[in-house]
Amino acid sequence: MPGFVVTMLHVALCSHGGKATPIPPAGRVLIMGAGVVHCGHVYAIVGCGYPAMTSGAQPPCLTANFTPAQASLRVKTTGGLPIAIVPPNAPVPCLPTGLPLILVPAGQVRVRAM
């Protein structure tokens, strides 16, 4: 299923307001001057409010990453890794909670991949 390619311009948040940043930084593939996110990127999440919401009974969201089900089947980076696409129906799970990572639709909306 086609979707927009995820770049560093996309703002990513955990379900509890924590900001997610892709690590390592972008490689060689750029769209509109911003690096493309691929399946090798891991999102580091900072500021998750889940422990406060559950009085410390639950751990915070720490990381998230795109699985091959949320990546392009045909388009790959120069390193051969599949490019991440905005998932239309399968959310990206945060670890260790399993709750979804939210991609704010303010990133690039020109390049689609399948």
Protein backbone atom coordinates (compact mmCIF):
# COMPACT_ATOMS: atom_id res chain seq x y z
CA MET A 1 0.00 0.00 0.00
CA PRO A 2 1.51 3.38 -0.99
CA GLY A 3 2.16 6.16 1.47
CA PHE A 4 4.18 9.32 1.95
CA VAL A 5 7.88 8.83 2.61
CA VAL A 6 8.85 9.70 6.20
CA THR A 7 11.60 12.33 6.49
CA MET A 8 13.25 14.18 9.34
CA LEU A 9 10.61 16.91 8.79
CA HIS A 10 7.88 14.68 10.25
CA VAL A 11 7.20 15.38 13.91
CA ALA A 12 6.82 12.13 15.84
CA LEU A 13 5.25 11.83 19.29
CA CYS A 14 4.43 8.93 21.54
CA SER A 15 0.80 8.61 22.61
CA HIS A 16 1.60 10.47 25.84
CA GLY A 17 3.29 13.54 24.37
CA GLY A 18 6.92 12.39 24.39
CA LYS A 19 8.99 13.70 21.49
CA ALA A 20 10.55 11.05 19.25
CA THR A 21 13.73 11.70 17.27
CA PRO A 22 15.24 9.28 14.72
CA ILE A 23 18.72 8.04 15.58
CA PRO A 24 21.18 7.86 13.72
CA PRO A 25 20.81 11.02 11.67
CA ALA A 26 19.90 10.94 7.99
CA GLY A 27 22.10 9.37 5.38
CA ARG A 28 22.52 10.21 1.72
CA VAL A 29 18.92 10.14 0.50
CA LEU A 30 17.20 13.54 0.77
CA ILE A 31 13.72 14.79 -0.04
CA MET A 32 13.28 18.57 -0.10
CA GLY A 33 16.60 18.86 1.75
CA ALA A 34 15.53 16.60 4.63
CA GLY A 35 16.92 13.15 5.29
CA VAL A 36 14.78 10.09 4.64
CA VAL A 37 13.91 7.75 7.52
CA HIS A 38 14.47 4.04 6.87
CA CYS A 39 13.96 0.81 8.79
CA GLY A 40 17.43 1.08 10.30
CA HIS A 41 16.47 4.20 12.24
CA VAL A 42 15.37 3.86 15.84
CA TYR A 43 13.29 6.66 17.34
CA ALA A 44 14.50 7.74 20.80
CA ILE A 45 11.57 9.02 22.88
CA VAL A 46 12.04 11.71 25.52
CA GLY A 47 9.38 13.16 27.85
CA CYS A 48 6.78 10.37 27.84
CA GLY A 49 4.01 11.12 30.34
CA TYR A 50 2.84 7.51 30.75
CA PRO A 51 4.46 6.86 34.15
CA ALA A 52 2.84 10.00 35.59
CA MET A 53 -0.56 9.00 34.16
CA THR A 54 -0.34 5.59 35.84
CA SER A 55 1.24 6.77 39.13
CA GLY A 56 4.50 5.10 38.15
CA ALA A 57 2.94 1.67 37.60
CA GLN A 58 3.86 1.58 33.89
CA PRO A 59 7.24 2.26 32.23
CA PRO A 60 7.67 5.18 29.83
CA CYS A 61 7.85 4.83 26.07
CA LEU A 62 11.58 4.68 25.25
CA THR A 63 12.02 3.71 21.59
CA ALA A 64 10.10 3.00 18.41
CA ASN A 65 11.11 1.80 14.97
CA PHE A 66 9.48 1.04 11.66
CA THR A 67 9.02 -2.62 10.83
CA PRO A 68 9.20 -4.02 7.28
CA ALA A 69 5.37 -3.97 7.26
CA GLN A 70 5.52 -0.16 7.52
CA ALA A 71 8.20 0.29 4.89
CA SER A 72 8.35 0.52 1.15
CA LEU A 73 8.55 -2.79 -0.70
CA ARG A 74 10.18 -1.28 -3.78
CA VAL A 75 12.10 1.85 -2.75
CA LYS A 76 15.31 1.39 -0.79
CA THR A 77 18.12 3.63 0.44
CA THR A 78 21.64 3.50 -0.93
CA GLY A 79 22.46 1.01 1.84
CA GLY A 80 19.67 -1.31 0.70
CA LEU A 81 17.35 -0.61 3.63
CA PRO A 82 13.62 -0.09 2.93
CA ILE A 83 12.40 3.50 3.21
CA ALA A 84 9.77 4.14 5.91
CA ILE A 85 6.35 5.31 4.77
CA VAL A 86 3.60 6.93 6.83
CA PRO A 87 1.64 3.85 7.91
CA PRO A 88 -1.96 4.07 6.69
CA ASN A 89 -3.35 1.32 8.91
CA ALA A 90 -0.60 -0.27 11.03
CA PRO A 91 0.76 2.09 13.70
CA VAL A 92 4.41 2.07 14.67
CA PRO A 93 4.59 0.57 18.19
CA CYS A 94 6.53 2.26 21.00
CA LEU A 95 8.61 0.01 23.19
CA PRO A 96 8.20 -1.29 25.88
CA THR A 97 4.54 -0.14 26.12
CA GLY A 98 3.33 -1.21 22.65
CA LEU A 99 1.26 1.96 22.27
CA PRO A 100 1.39 3.77 18.91
CA LEU A 101 3.87 6.37 17.73
CA ILE A 102 2.02 9.32 16.19
CA LEU A 103 3.40 10.96 13.05
CA VAL A 104 2.03 14.49 12.82
CA PRO A 105 0.99 15.08 9.19
CA ALA A 106 3.14 18.18 8.81
CA GLY A 107 6.04 16.54 6.99
CA GLN A 108 6.58 16.32 3.28
CA VAL A 109 3.50 15.52 1.19
CA ARG A 110 5.01 15.29 -2.30
CA VAL A 111 6.89 11.99 -2.49
CA ARG A 112 5.01 8.70 -2.18
CA ALA A 113 6.44 5.21 -2.23
CA MET A 114 5.00 1.75 -2.52
